[in-house]
Structure formats: C-alpha cells, structure tokens
C-alpha atoms as a PDB file:
ATOM      1  CA  MET A   1      38.264  23.650  24.442  1.00  0.00           C
ATOM      2  CA  THR A   2      37.083  20.437  22.828  1.00  0.00           C
ATOM      3  CA  TRP A   3      35.094  20.109  19.628  1.00  0.00           C
ATOM      4  CA  LEU A   4      32.048  19.172  21.713  1.00  0.00           C
ATOM      5  CA  ASP A   5      32.457  22.427  23.660  1.00  0.00           C
ATOM      6  CA  THR A   6      32.716  24.292  20.347  1.00  0.00           C
ATOM      7  CA  ILE A   7      29.471  22.846  18.987  1.00  0.00           C
ATOM      8  CA  ILE A   8      27.470  23.317  22.195  1.00  0.00           C
ATOM      9  CA  LEU A   9      28.647  26.873  22.852  1.00  0.00           C
ATOM     10  CA  SER A  10      28.006  27.874  19.219  1.00  0.00           C
ATOM     11  CA  ILE A  11      24.440  26.567  19.377  1.00  0.00           C
ATOM     12  CA  VAL A  12      23.883  28.433  22.659  1.00  0.00           C
ATOM     13  CA  GLU A  13      25.251  31.632  21.086  1.00  0.00           C
ATOM     14  CA  GLY A  14      23.042  31.301  18.004  1.00  0.00           C
ATOM     15  CA  VAL A  15      19.908  30.710  20.087  1.00  0.00           C
ATOM     16  CA  THR A  16      20.481  33.393  22.709  1.00  0.00           C
ATOM     17  CA  GLU A  17      22.275  36.292  20.957  1.00  0.00           C
ATOM     18  CA  PHE A  18      19.101  38.029  19.779  1.00  0.00           C
ATOM     19  CA  LEU A  19      16.764  36.940  22.565  1.00  0.00           C
ATOM     20  CA  PRO A  20      16.523  39.243  25.617  1.00  0.00           C
ATOM     21  CA  ILE A  21      17.936  36.561  27.905  1.00  0.00           C
ATOM     22  CA  SER A  22      21.712  37.237  27.793  1.00  0.00           C
ATOM     23  CA  SER A  23      23.961  35.074  25.662  1.00  0.00           C
ATOM     24  CA  THR A  24      26.779  35.778  28.154  1.00  0.00           C
ATOM     25  CA  GLY A  25      24.733  34.424  31.041  1.00  0.00           C
ATOM     26  CA  HIS A  26      23.997  31.252  29.170  1.00  0.00           C
ATOM     27  CA  MET A  27      27.626  30.864  28.121  1.00  0.00           C
ATOM     28  CA  ILE A  28      28.608  30.979  31.797  1.00  0.00           C
ATOM     29  CA  ILE A  29      26.007  28.380  32.752  1.00  0.00           C
ATOM     30  CA  VAL A  30      27.033  26.033  29.935  1.00  0.00           C
ATOM     31  CA  ASP A  31      30.761  26.616  30.449  1.00  0.00           C
ATOM     32  CA  ALA A  32      30.409  25.875  34.164  1.00  0.00           C
ATOM     33  CA  ILE A  33      28.663  22.582  33.394  1.00  0.00           C
ATOM     34  CA  LEU A  34      31.130  21.563  30.668  1.00  0.00           C
ATOM     35  CA  ASN A  35      34.212  22.384  32.745  1.00  0.00           C
ATOM     36  CA  HIS A  36      33.123  21.642  36.307  1.00  0.00           C
ATOM     37  CA  ASP A  37      35.738  18.884  36.652  1.00  0.00           C
ATOM     38  CA  LYS A  38      38.504  20.632  34.688  1.00  0.00           C
ATOM     39  CA  THR A  39      41.127  23.245  35.502  1.00  0.00           C
ATOM     40  CA  PRO A  40      41.798  25.128  32.251  1.00  0.00           C
ATOM     41  CA  THR A  41      45.175  26.724  31.674  1.00  0.00           C
ATOM     42  CA  GLU A  42      45.530  30.491  31.247  1.00  0.00           C
ATOM     43  CA  ALA A  43      45.920  30.016  27.474  1.00  0.00           C
ATOM     44  CA  GLU A  44      42.758  27.900  27.320  1.00  0.00           C
ATOM     45  CA  ARG A  45      40.811  30.510  29.273  1.00  0.00           C
ATOM     46  CA  GLU A  46      42.054  33.274  26.981  1.00  0.00           C
ATOM     47  CA  PHE A  47      40.976  31.371  23.889  1.00  0.00           C
ATOM     48  CA  ALA A  48      37.592  30.532  25.436  1.00  0.00           C
ATOM     49  CA  HIS A  49      36.940  34.255  26.014  1.00  0.00           C
ATOM     50  CA  LEU A  50      38.053  35.052  22.451  1.00  0.00           C
ATOM     51  CA  PHE A  51      35.838  32.293  21.064  1.00  0.00           C
ATOM     52  CA  GLU A  52      32.759  33.471  22.948  1.00  0.00           C
ATOM     53  CA  VAL A  53      33.140  36.987  21.521  1.00  0.00           C
ATOM     54  CA  CYS A  54      34.140  36.045  17.973  1.00  0.00           C
ATOM     55  CA  ILE A  55      31.315  33.583  17.301  1.00  0.00           C
ATOM     56  CA  GLN A  56      28.944  36.514  17.749  1.00  0.00           C
ATOM     57  CA  LEU A  57      30.109  37.565  14.287  1.00  0.00           C
ATOM     58  CA  GLY A  58      28.466  34.496  12.756  1.00  0.00           C
ATOM     59  CA  ALA A  59      25.253  35.215  14.644  1.00  0.00           C
ATOM     60  CA  ILE A  60      25.053  38.845  13.535  1.00  0.00           C
ATOM     61  CA  LEU A  61      25.663  37.949   9.886  1.00  0.00           C
ATOM     62  CA  SER A  62      22.304  36.185  10.059  1.00  0.00           C
ATOM     63  CA  VAL A  63      20.735  39.640  10.521  1.00  0.00           C
ATOM     64  CA  VAL A  64      22.380  40.870   7.329  1.00  0.00           C
ATOM     65  CA  THR A  65      21.036  37.799   5.539  1.00  0.00           C
ATOM     66  CA  LEU A  66      17.467  38.226   6.765  1.00  0.00           C
ATOM     67  CA  TYR A  67      17.356  42.003   6.305  1.00  0.00           C
ATOM     68  CA  TRP A  68      19.730  42.329   3.351  1.00  0.00           C
ATOM     69  CA  LYS A  69      17.466  44.719   1.458  1.00  0.00           C
ATOM     70  CA  LYS A  70      17.877  47.334   4.201  1.00  0.00           C
ATOM     71  CA  PHE A  71      21.576  46.767   4.742  1.00  0.00           C
ATOM     72  CA  LEU A  72      22.477  46.858   1.057  1.00  0.00           C
ATOM     73  CA  ASP A  73      20.217  49.751   0.030  1.00  0.00           C
ATOM     74  CA  LEU A  74      22.721  52.604  -0.263  1.00  0.00           C
ATOM     75  CA  LYS A  75      19.893  55.053  -0.958  1.00  0.00           C
ATOM     76  CA  ARG A  76      18.830  54.806   2.686  1.00  0.00           C
ATOM     77  CA  MET A  77      21.722  56.802   4.121  1.00  0.00           C
ATOM     78  CA  ASP A  78      19.439  58.111   6.857  1.00  0.00           C
ATOM     79  CA  PHE A  79      19.140  54.535   8.149  1.00  0.00           C
ATOM     80  CA  TYR A  80      22.931  54.101   8.228  1.00  0.00           C
ATOM     81  CA  MET A  81      23.457  57.435   9.970  1.00  0.00           C
ATOM     82  CA  LYS A  82      20.988  56.511  12.715  1.00  0.00           C
ATOM     83  CA  LEU A  83      22.823  53.236  13.269  1.00  0.00           C
ATOM     84  CA  ILE A  84      26.126  55.132  13.527  1.00  0.00           C
ATOM     85  CA  VAL A  85      24.611  57.525  16.076  1.00  0.00           C
ATOM     86  CA  ALA A  86      23.210  54.613  18.071  1.00  0.00           C
ATOM     87  CA  VAL A  87      26.427  52.565  18.075  1.00  0.00           C
ATOM     88  CA  PHE A  88      28.687  55.488  19.039  1.00  0.00           C
ATOM     89  CA  PRO A  89      28.110  55.320  22.838  1.00  0.00           C
ATOM     90  CA  ALA A  90      28.971  51.604  22.943  1.00  0.00           C
ATOM     91  CA  LEU A  91      32.178  52.169  20.990  1.00  0.00           C
ATOM     92  CA  VAL A  92      33.308  54.888  23.379  1.00  0.00           C
ATOM     93  CA  PHE A  93      32.398  53.140  26.627  1.00  0.00           C
ATOM     94  CA  GLY A  94      33.554  49.759  25.313  1.00  0.00           C
ATOM     95  CA  TYR A  95      36.997  51.160  24.543  1.00  0.00           C
ATOM     96  CA  LEU A  96      37.310  53.011  27.862  1.00  0.00           C
ATOM     97  CA  PHE A  97      36.167  50.107  30.036  1.00  0.00           C
ATOM     98  CA  SER A  98      37.204  47.025  28.020  1.00  0.00           C
ATOM     99  CA  GLN A  99      39.380  45.589  30.802  1.00  0.00           C
ATOM    100  CA  LYS A 100      36.689  46.105  33.445  1.00  0.00           C
ATOM    101  CA  ILE A 101      34.155  44.373  31.185  1.00  0.00           C
ATOM    102  CA  ASP A 102      36.544  41.428  30.728  1.00  0.00           C
ATOM    103  CA  ASP A 103      36.943  41.207  34.508  1.00  0.00           C
ATOM    104  CA  LEU A 104      33.178  41.148  34.998  1.00  0.00           C
ATOM    105  CA  MET A 105      32.975  38.244  32.526  1.00  0.00           C
ATOM    106  CA  GLU A 106      34.730  36.211  35.214  1.00  0.00           C
ATOM    107  CA  SER A 107      31.952  36.930  37.723  1.00  0.00           C
ATOM    108  CA  PRO A 108      28.935  34.583  37.606  1.00  0.00           C
ATOM    109  CA  ALA A 109      27.468  36.542  40.535  1.00  0.00           C
ATOM    110  CA  THR A 110      27.376  39.723  38.425  1.00  0.00           C
ATOM    111  CA  VAL A 111      25.692  37.843  35.577  1.00  0.00           C
ATOM    112  CA  ALA A 112      23.115  36.259  37.876  1.00  0.00           C
ATOM    113  CA  ILE A 113      22.176  39.591  39.478  1.00  0.00           C
ATOM    114  CA  ALA A 114      21.899  41.278  36.056  1.00  0.00           C
ATOM    115  CA  LEU A 115      19.725  38.434  34.753  1.00  0.00           C
ATOM    116  CA  LEU A 116      17.468  38.679  37.792  1.00  0.00           C
ATOM    117  CA  LEU A 117      17.033  42.457  37.687  1.00  0.00           C
ATOM    118  CA  GLY A 118      16.544  42.475  33.910  1.00  0.00           C
ATOM    119  CA  GLY A 119      13.963  39.733  34.236  1.00  0.00           C
ATOM    120  CA  VAL A 120      11.953  41.792  36.690  1.00  0.00           C
ATOM    121  CA  VAL A 121      12.067  44.782  34.306  1.00  0.00           C
ATOM    122  CA  LEU A 122      10.797  42.644  31.415  1.00  0.00           C
ATOM    123  CA  LEU A 123       7.793  41.601  33.507  1.00  0.00           C
ATOM    124  CA  PHE A 124       6.611  45.224  33.625  1.00  0.00           C
ATOM    125  CA  VAL A 125       8.021  46.818  30.463  1.00  0.00           C
ATOM    126  CA  GLU A 126       4.784  46.280  28.514  1.00  0.00           C
ATOM    127  CA  LYS A 127       2.815  48.238  31.112  1.00  0.00           C
ATOM    128  CA  LEU A 128       5.406  51.004  31.241  1.00  0.00           C
ATOM    129  CA  PHE A 129       5.910  51.473  27.496  1.00  0.00           C
ATOM    130  CA  GLY A 130       3.053  49.516  25.938  1.00  0.00           C
ATOM    131  CA  LYS A 131       1.749  52.547  24.023  1.00  0.00           C
ATOM    132  CA  SER A 132       4.869  52.855  21.877  1.00  0.00           C
ATOM    133  CA  HIS A 133       3.958  53.600  18.270  1.00  0.00           C
ATOM    134  CA  ILE A 134       7.023  54.212  16.041  1.00  0.00           C
ATOM    135  CA  ASP A 135       7.095  51.410  13.455  1.00  0.00           C
ATOM    136  CA  GLY A 136       9.996  52.383  11.173  1.00  0.00           C
ATOM    137  CA  GLU A 137      13.295  54.238  11.083  1.00  0.00           C
ATOM    138  CA  GLN A 138      11.714  57.055   9.036  1.00  0.00           C
ATOM    139  CA  GLU A 139       9.776  58.071  12.164  1.00  0.00           C
ATOM    140  CA  MET A 140      12.770  57.624  14.462  1.00  0.00           C
ATOM    141  CA  SER A 141      14.788  60.754  15.225  1.00  0.00           C
ATOM    142  CA  TYR A 142      18.552  60.920  15.681  1.00  0.00           C
ATOM    143  CA  LYS A 143      17.990  61.832  19.314  1.00  0.00           C
ATOM    144  CA  LYS A 144      15.979  58.659  19.881  1.00  0.00           C
ATOM    145  CA  SER A 145      18.677  56.634  18.091  1.00  0.00           C
ATOM    146  CA  PHE A 146      21.295  58.062  20.436  1.00  0.00           C
ATOM    147  CA  TRP A 147      19.292  57.191  23.548  1.00  0.00           C
ATOM    148  CA  VAL A 148      18.729  53.632  22.362  1.00  0.00           C
ATOM    149  CA  GLY A 149      22.515  53.506  21.971  1.00  0.00           C
ATOM    150  CA  MET A 150      22.930  54.711  25.550  1.00  0.00           C
ATOM    151  CA  TRP A 151      20.686  51.889  26.710  1.00  0.00           C
ATOM    152  CA  GLN A 152      22.998  49.502  24.867  1.00  0.00           C
ATOM    153  CA  VAL A 153      25.866  50.716  27.067  1.00  0.00           C
ATOM    154  CA  VAL A 154      24.054  49.210  30.068  1.00  0.00           C
ATOM    155  CA  ALA A 155      24.379  45.824  28.371  1.00  0.00           C
ATOM    156  CA  MET A 156      28.149  45.940  28.842  1.00  0.00           C
ATOM    157  CA  ILE A 157      27.413  44.559  32.285  1.00  0.00           C
ATOM    158  CA  PRO A 158      27.489  40.788  31.602  1.00  0.00           C
ATOM    159  CA  GLY A 159      24.079  39.193  32.048  1.00  0.00           C
ATOM    160  CA  THR A 160      22.138  42.329  31.146  1.00  0.00           C
ATOM    161  CA  SER A 161      21.620  41.266  27.503  1.00  0.00           C
ATOM    162  CA  ARG A 162      22.322  43.666  24.668  1.00  0.00           C
ATOM    163  CA  SER A 163      19.050  42.630  23.043  1.00  0.00           C
ATOM    164  CA  ALA A 164      17.015  43.226  26.208  1.00  0.00           C
ATOM    165  CA  ALA A 165      18.627  46.616  26.878  1.00  0.00           C
ATOM    166  CA  THR A 166      18.075  47.925  23.359  1.00  0.00           C
ATOM    167  CA  ILE A 167      14.510  46.579  23.095  1.00  0.00           C
ATOM    168  CA  ILE A 168      13.591  48.169  26.434  1.00  0.00           C
ATOM    169  CA  GLY A 169      15.402  51.356  25.417  1.00  0.00           C
ATOM    170  CA  GLY A 170      13.626  51.391  22.067  1.00  0.00           C
ATOM    171  CA  MET A 171      10.213  50.992  23.666  1.00  0.00           C
ATOM    172  CA  GLN A 172      11.068  53.685  26.215  1.00  0.00           C
ATOM    173  CA  GLN A 173      11.830  55.979  23.261  1.00  0.00           C
ATOM    174  CA  GLY A 174       8.485  55.238  21.634  1.00  0.00           C
ATOM    175  CA  LEU A 175       9.354  52.371  19.280  1.00  0.00           C
ATOM    176  CA  SER A 176       6.775  49.650  18.836  1.00  0.00           C
ATOM    177  CA  ARG A 177       7.625  46.267  20.312  1.00  0.00           C
ATOM    178  CA  LYS A 178       8.329  44.727  16.899  1.00  0.00           C
ATOM    179  CA  PHE A 179      10.401  47.626  15.561  1.00  0.00           C
ATOM    180  CA  ALA A 180      12.347  47.895  18.827  1.00  0.00           C
ATOM    181  CA  ALA A 181      13.375  44.253  18.336  1.00  0.00           C
ATOM    182  CA  GLU A 182      14.280  44.803  14.687  1.00  0.00           C
ATOM    183  CA  PHE A 183      16.326  47.927  15.457  1.00  0.00           C
ATOM    184  CA  SER A 184      18.090  45.905  18.140  1.00  0.00           C
ATOM    185  CA  PHE A 185      19.035  43.373  15.446  1.00  0.00           C
ATOM    186  CA  PHE A 186      20.296  46.122  13.124  1.00  0.00           C
ATOM    187  CA  LEU A 187      22.314  47.743  15.907  1.00  0.00           C
ATOM    188  CA  ALA A 188      23.958  44.413  16.716  1.00  0.00           C
ATOM    189  CA  VAL A 189      25.759  44.376  13.362  1.00  0.00           C
ATOM    190  CA  PRO A 190      28.132  47.375  13.786  1.00  0.00           C
ATOM    191  CA  THR A 191      28.364  46.828  17.557  1.00  0.00           C
ATOM    192  CA  MET A 192      29.374  43.185  17.406  1.00  0.00           C
ATOM    193  CA  MET A 193      31.618  43.678  14.382  1.00  0.00           C
ATOM    194  CA  ALA A 194      33.515  46.344  16.311  1.00  0.00           C
ATOM    195  CA  ALA A 195      33.706  44.152  19.437  1.00  0.00           C
ATOM    196  CA  THR A 196      34.919  41.149  17.444  1.00  0.00           C
ATOM    197  CA  GLY A 197      37.494  43.195  15.535  1.00  0.00           C
ATOM    198  CA  TYR A 198      38.822  44.767  18.730  1.00  0.00           C
ATOM    199  CA  LYS A 199      39.053  41.387  20.481  1.00  0.00           C
ATOM    200  CA  LEU A 200      40.886  39.809  17.527  1.00  0.00           C
ATOM    201  CA  LEU A 201      43.312  42.721  17.289  1.00  0.00           C
ATOM    202  CA  LYS A 202      43.990  42.552  21.015  1.00  0.00           C
ATOM    203  CA  ALA A 203      44.548  38.789  20.817  1.00  0.00           C
ATOM    204  CA  PHE A 204      46.875  39.211  17.842  1.00  0.00           C
ATOM    205  CA  LYS A 205      49.000  41.716  19.785  1.00  0.00           C
ATOM    206  CA  GLU A 206      49.022  39.937  23.149  1.00  0.00           C
ATOM    207  CA  HIS A 207      48.704  36.246  22.206  1.00  0.00           C
ATOM    208  CA  PRO A 208      49.688  35.850  18.528  1.00  0.00           C
ATOM    209  CA  GLU A 209      50.328  32.134  19.001  1.00  0.00           C
ATOM    210  CA  MET A 210      46.649  31.656  19.790  1.00  0.00           C
ATOM    211  CA  LEU A 211      45.634  32.762  16.280  1.00  0.00           C
ATOM    212  CA  LYS A 212      48.338  30.696  14.622  1.00  0.00           C
ATOM    213  CA  ASP A 213      47.037  27.446  16.066  1.00  0.00           C
ATOM    214  CA  LYS A 214      45.196  25.533  13.322  1.00  0.00           C
ATOM    215  CA  ASP A 215      42.796  23.881  15.776  1.00  0.00           C
ATOM    216  CA  ASN A 216      41.842  27.253  17.249  1.00  0.00           C
ATOM    217  CA  LEU A 217      41.208  28.721  13.799  1.00  0.00           C
ATOM    218  CA  ALA A 218      39.142  25.688  12.808  1.00  0.00           C
ATOM    219  CA  MET A 219      37.035  25.990  15.962  1.00  0.00           C
ATOM    220  CA  LEU A 220      36.448  29.692  15.313  1.00  0.00           C
ATOM    221  CA  GLY A 221      35.383  28.946  11.738  1.00  0.00           C
ATOM    222  CA  VAL A 222      33.035  26.096  12.606  1.00  0.00           C
ATOM    223  CA  GLY A 223      31.676  28.004  15.599  1.00  0.00           C
ATOM    224  CA  ASN A 224      30.740  30.981  13.443  1.00  0.00           C
ATOM    225  CA  ILE A 225      29.007  28.785  10.866  1.00  0.00           C
ATOM    226  CA  ILE A 226      26.933  27.002  13.521  1.00  0.00           C
ATOM    227  CA  ALA A 227      26.044  30.277  15.276  1.00  0.00           C
ATOM    228  CA  TYR A 228      25.002  31.773  11.920  1.00  0.00           C
ATOM    229  CA  VAL A 229      22.619  28.944  11.006  1.00  0.00           C
ATOM    230  CA  VAL A 230      21.085  28.683  14.470  1.00  0.00           C
ATOM    231  CA  ALA A 231      20.649  32.475  14.747  1.00  0.00           C
ATOM    232  CA  LEU A 232      18.740  32.548  11.445  1.00  0.00           C
ATOM    233  CA  ILE A 233      16.155  30.224  12.951  1.00  0.00           C
ATOM    234  CA  ALA A 234      16.151  31.999  16.317  1.00  0.00           C
ATOM    235  CA  ILE A 235      15.456  35.460  14.872  1.00  0.00           C
ATOM    236  CA  LYS A 236      12.477  34.290  12.819  1.00  0.00           C
ATOM    237  CA  THR A 237      11.071  32.391  15.789  1.00  0.00           C
ATOM    238  CA  PHE A 238      11.616  35.310  18.187  1.00  0.00           C
ATOM    239  CA  ILE A 239       9.799  37.890  16.059  1.00  0.00           C
ATOM    240  CA  GLY A 240       6.772  35.618  15.722  1.00  0.00           C
ATOM    241  CA  PHE A 241       6.736  34.817  19.445  1.00  0.00           C
ATOM    242  CA  LEU A 242       7.199  38.472  20.391  1.00  0.00           C
ATOM    243  CA  GLN A 243       4.222  39.600  18.331  1.00  0.00           C
ATOM    244  CA  LYS A 244       1.968  36.966  19.883  1.00  0.00           C
ATOM    245  CA  HIS A 245       3.151  36.785  23.481  1.00  0.00           C
ATOM    246  CA  GLY A 246       5.235  39.860  24.306  1.00  0.00           C
ATOM    247  CA  LEU A 247       8.252  40.018  26.607  1.00  0.00           C
ATOM    248  CA  LYS A 248       6.902  38.758  29.929  1.00  0.00           C
ATOM    249  CA  ALA A 249       7.810  35.110  29.237  1.00  0.00           C
ATOM    250  CA  PHE A 250      11.442  36.131  28.759  1.00  0.00           C
ATOM    251  CA  GLY A 251      11.319  37.930  32.113  1.00  0.00           C
ATOM    252  CA  TYR A 252      10.300  34.728  33.886  1.00  0.00           C
ATOM    253  CA  TYR A 253      12.935  32.795  31.972  1.00  0.00           C
ATOM    254  CA  ARG A 254      15.695  35.233  33.002  1.00  0.00           C
ATOM    255  CA  ILE A 255      14.709  34.928  36.650  1.00  0.00           C
ATOM    256  CA  ALA A 256      14.871  31.130  36.353  1.00  0.00           C
ATOM    257  CA  ALA A 257      18.293  31.347  34.664  1.00  0.00           C
ATOM    258  CA  ALA A 258      19.554  33.550  37.512  1.00  0.00           C
ATOM    259  CA  VAL A 259      18.398  30.963  40.030  1.00  0.00           C
ATOM    260  CA  VAL A 260      20.296  28.275  38.074  1.00  0.00           C
ATOM    261  CA  ILE A 261      23.526  30.317  38.192  1.00  0.00           C
ATOM    262  CA  PHE A 262      23.128  30.937  41.940  1.00  0.00           C
ATOM    263  CA  ALA A 263      22.587  27.189  42.382  1.00  0.00           C
ATOM    264  CA  LEU A 264      25.715  26.400  40.335  1.00  0.00           C
ATOM    265  CA  MET A 265      27.693  28.822  42.477  1.00  0.00           C
ATOM    266  CA  TYR A 266      26.359  27.265  45.667  1.00  0.00           C
ATOM    267  CA  MET A 267      27.313  23.777  44.468  1.00  0.00           C
ATOM    268  CA  GLY A 268      30.778  24.960  43.491  1.00  0.00           C
ATOM    269  CA  TYR A 269      30.366  24.596  39.721  1.00  0.00           C
ATOM    270  CA  ALA A 270      30.849  28.331  39.152  1.00  0.00           C
ATOM    271  CA  ARG A 271      33.146  30.668  41.073  1.00  0.00           C
ATOM    272  CA  MET A 272      32.069  34.007  42.552  1.00  0.00           C
END
C-alpha cells in the first residue's frame, strides 16, 4: 500500500461505514481502481485486508464521540445489556465462519450481488415497515435486540452492509427509521471493536512482522484518524438526510454501485 492508497481508502471507510451502502463494496471498487496495474505480494494483500478492517475502529469511535452521553452513562445498564444481546449473534457466527468471510472478501461477484439485492430491498423497506414506532431503547425489548443482532449476521456477507442490515432489521422489529439508524450506530461499536481486536490478534499470531513494520503502523494510525474525522461528518449528514428523504435513494445508489463492480469485472479490473 502507498500513502495515497491509505488516504483514499480511509476517506472511503469514513464516508461509507455508517451508510447502508456497504463500506466493503466500496473498498473493493476503489482497491480495484488503485491496483488495476499492480500485482501485490501475499504480504501486501494480507496487510491490505488488515488495514481495511482496522480502520473501522477509527470510524466507530466517532459514534462514541457523538453519542458520548449514552455510552458513558453507567446508570443506563439496560442500554448496555441490550447492546450485548444484539452483538452476541455476530460474535458467535463471526468466530465460527471467520475464514469463510475472509474468502468471500476476495470475491467482487459476491459483493456486487449483495449490493444489488440489498438495493432492491431498500427500495421497498419503507412500504414494508413504514409504520414502525419505537423511538428509544426504553421501548425496545431484549427479544427485539436479539433479532436486530441476527439481522447483523446477514451483513457478514461482503456487500450486504452492516448498517443496511441492522436498519432494515430494526424497522422490521418496529423501530422508527431514525432510531433504527441510531441503534445501528450503537451496535457498530462492540461489533467492530471485537472484529478489529480479533483481526489484530490473528495478524500478531500469523504475521507478527506485519505489525512490527513502522510504515504499516503509521498507515494504520493515520488511517484511523482520517476515518474518524470523516465518519463524524458522515453520521451527522446521514441522519439529516434519512429524516428528510428516507432510504430509497440509497437503494438506487447500491444498484448503481453493483453495476460498477460488474463493469470492473468485465473489463478485468476486478477478479471473480
């Protein structure tokens, strides 16, 4: 990876992590464009995968910053317990199928199909669950928290979008559009922290030299800072847009992104 790759990918991560458009899908599009004339080594590919997961940590810390009153209010143990219930399915399935998920990350075709299907769902989700009414975690049961967490498991398929899956799942469980998005943000914190920690631990065991390289560490640090700042802006913008325009625009965007990936595959910029 070059420093230009680091900056571009970090901006893409910050913009797309909390939008229902799949940060993974966009990483694949951008990576294909940046590296279309290069043949990365195995070590470079391993670090690129590590980088793409670890910079999510910077993005999710923006949620803690924006919603710090909820995250640091120890009197709201009910809120923490519901997050734990919701994150549990992803921890279990993520651990059991981590290698399969990594393999799917190598498949632009999988990402494109997931983007396309998810885009179609977003076109109709308002009609299906538009009468959702739960506006806060006080009204949200543990059972509903668990089922939102099960929806998050679907997002382990690259291109699905963790944000899209949990927002759709939240609305299906009766959460209002705005609160479904906010709960999706909250759920990202323990989920992505666990994913980042697991990926770092795995890298430390299997490729310790990768984490001893000063350039790699510098790129991870800078990448997280950029993703954090950009995500702060993206979250505020997304909530405002969502309240005014709903999710349909993101459905059309996902379909367009899928077409772009198929086109890149056809032209040989991205492998099947």
